[in-house]
N, C-alpha and C. Protein backbone atom coordinates (compact mmCIF):
# COMPACT_ATOMS: atom_id res chain seq x y z
N UNK A 1 -18.38 3.88 7.40
CA UNK A 1 -17.35 4.04 6.37
C UNK A 1 -16.77 5.45 6.41
N UNK A 2 -17.61 6.40 6.72
CA UNK A 2 -17.13 7.79 6.75
C UNK A 2 -16.07 7.96 7.84
N UNK A 3 -16.19 7.17 8.90
CA UNK A 3 -15.21 7.26 9.99
C UNK A 3 -13.84 6.76 9.54
N UNK A 4 -13.84 5.77 8.63
CA UNK A 4 -12.58 5.20 8.17
C UNK A 4 -11.88 6.13 7.17
N UNK A 5 -12.65 6.96 6.49
CA UNK A 5 -12.07 7.86 5.50
C UNK A 5 -10.96 8.72 6.12
N UNK A 6 -11.25 9.47 7.18
CA UNK A 6 -10.22 10.30 7.82
C UNK A 6 -9.07 9.47 8.35
N UNK A 7 -9.36 8.26 8.80
CA UNK A 7 -8.30 7.40 9.33
C UNK A 7 -7.29 7.08 8.23
N UNK A 8 -7.79 6.78 7.03
CA UNK A 8 -6.90 6.46 5.92
C UNK A 8 -6.08 7.68 5.55
N UNK A 9 -6.71 8.85 5.60
CA UNK A 9 -6.00 10.09 5.24
C UNK A 9 -4.85 10.32 6.21
N UNK A 10 -5.05 9.97 7.48
CA UNK A 10 -4.01 10.15 8.49
C UNK A 10 -2.79 9.29 8.15
N UNK A 11 -3.05 8.11 7.63
CA UNK A 11 -1.95 7.19 7.28
C UNK A 11 -1.25 7.64 6.00
N UNK A 12 -1.96 8.45 5.22
CA UNK A 12 -1.36 8.93 3.97
C UNK A 12 -2.10 8.38 2.78
N UNK A 13 -3.34 7.99 2.99
CA UNK A 13 -4.12 7.45 1.87
C UNK A 13 -3.99 5.95 1.77
N UNK A 14 -5.04 5.29 1.34
CA UNK A 14 -5.02 3.83 1.20
C UNK A 14 -3.90 3.41 0.25
N UNK A 15 -3.65 4.20 -0.77
CA UNK A 15 -2.60 3.87 -1.75
C UNK A 15 -1.24 3.86 -1.06
N UNK A 16 -1.04 4.80 -0.16
CA UNK A 16 0.25 4.87 0.55
C UNK A 16 0.52 3.59 1.32
N UNK A 17 -0.51 3.08 2.01
CA UNK A 17 -0.32 1.87 2.81
C UNK A 17 -0.01 0.69 1.90
N UNK A 18 -0.72 0.58 0.79
CA UNK A 18 -0.50 -0.54 -0.13
C UNK A 18 0.92 -0.49 -0.68
N UNK A 19 1.37 0.70 -1.03
CA UNK A 19 2.71 0.84 -1.60
C UNK A 19 3.75 0.45 -0.54
N UNK A 20 3.54 0.90 0.70
CA UNK A 20 4.46 0.57 1.78
C UNK A 20 4.56 -0.94 1.95
N UNK A 21 3.40 -1.58 1.97
CA UNK A 21 3.37 -3.04 2.13
C UNK A 21 4.08 -3.71 0.96
N UNK A 22 3.87 -3.20 -0.24
CA UNK A 22 4.49 -3.78 -1.42
C UNK A 22 6.01 -3.70 -1.32
N UNK A 23 6.51 -2.62 -0.81
CA UNK A 23 7.97 -2.45 -0.69
C UNK A 23 8.53 -3.50 0.26
N UNK A 24 7.83 -3.74 1.34
CA UNK A 24 8.29 -4.72 2.33
C UNK A 24 8.30 -6.11 1.69
N UNK A 25 7.29 -6.38 0.89
CA UNK A 25 7.21 -7.69 0.23
C UNK A 25 8.35 -7.86 -0.77
N UNK A 26 8.70 -6.79 -1.45
CA UNK A 26 9.77 -6.88 -2.43
C UNK A 26 11.06 -7.30 -1.73
N UNK A 27 11.33 -6.75 -0.57
CA UNK A 27 12.54 -7.09 0.18
C UNK A 27 12.48 -8.56 0.60
N UNK A 28 11.28 -9.05 0.86
CA UNK A 28 11.11 -10.43 1.30
C UNK A 28 11.51 -11.41 0.20
N UNK A 29 11.01 -11.15 -1.01
CA UNK A 29 11.32 -12.11 -2.08
C UNK A 29 11.45 -11.43 -3.43
N UNK A 30 10.52 -10.52 -3.73
CA UNK A 30 10.58 -9.84 -5.02
C UNK A 30 9.31 -10.08 -5.81
N UNK A 31 8.41 -10.86 -5.23
CA UNK A 31 7.14 -11.12 -5.93
C UNK A 31 6.30 -9.84 -5.97
N UNK A 32 6.57 -8.93 -5.07
CA UNK A 32 5.80 -7.69 -4.99
C UNK A 32 5.97 -6.87 -6.27
N UNK A 33 7.01 -7.11 -7.01
CA UNK A 33 7.24 -6.36 -8.24
C UNK A 33 6.00 -6.42 -9.12
N UNK A 34 5.39 -7.59 -9.20
CA UNK A 34 4.19 -7.74 -10.01
C UNK A 34 3.05 -6.96 -9.38
N UNK A 35 2.97 -7.00 -8.04
CA UNK A 35 1.90 -6.27 -7.35
C UNK A 35 2.08 -4.78 -7.54
N UNK A 36 3.31 -4.33 -7.48
CA UNK A 36 3.59 -2.91 -7.65
C UNK A 36 3.06 -2.42 -8.99
N UNK A 37 3.20 -3.23 -10.01
CA UNK A 37 2.73 -2.85 -11.34
C UNK A 37 1.21 -2.67 -11.31
N UNK A 38 0.54 -3.54 -10.59
CA UNK A 38 -0.92 -3.47 -10.51
C UNK A 38 -1.32 -2.21 -9.75
N UNK A 39 -0.59 -1.90 -8.68
CA UNK A 39 -0.92 -0.73 -7.86
C UNK A 39 -0.67 0.54 -8.67
N UNK A 40 0.46 0.56 -9.40
CA UNK A 40 0.81 1.75 -10.18
C UNK A 40 -0.20 1.91 -11.29
């Protein structure tokens, strides 16, 4: 698990990846809006 920690930091944090994915989903349909609220 310690090895994955630095990897996530390189990407910009686990939160950054989730937010990025959420944005892509919003463009797809808009259901991500609900997910975004949960992430925020």
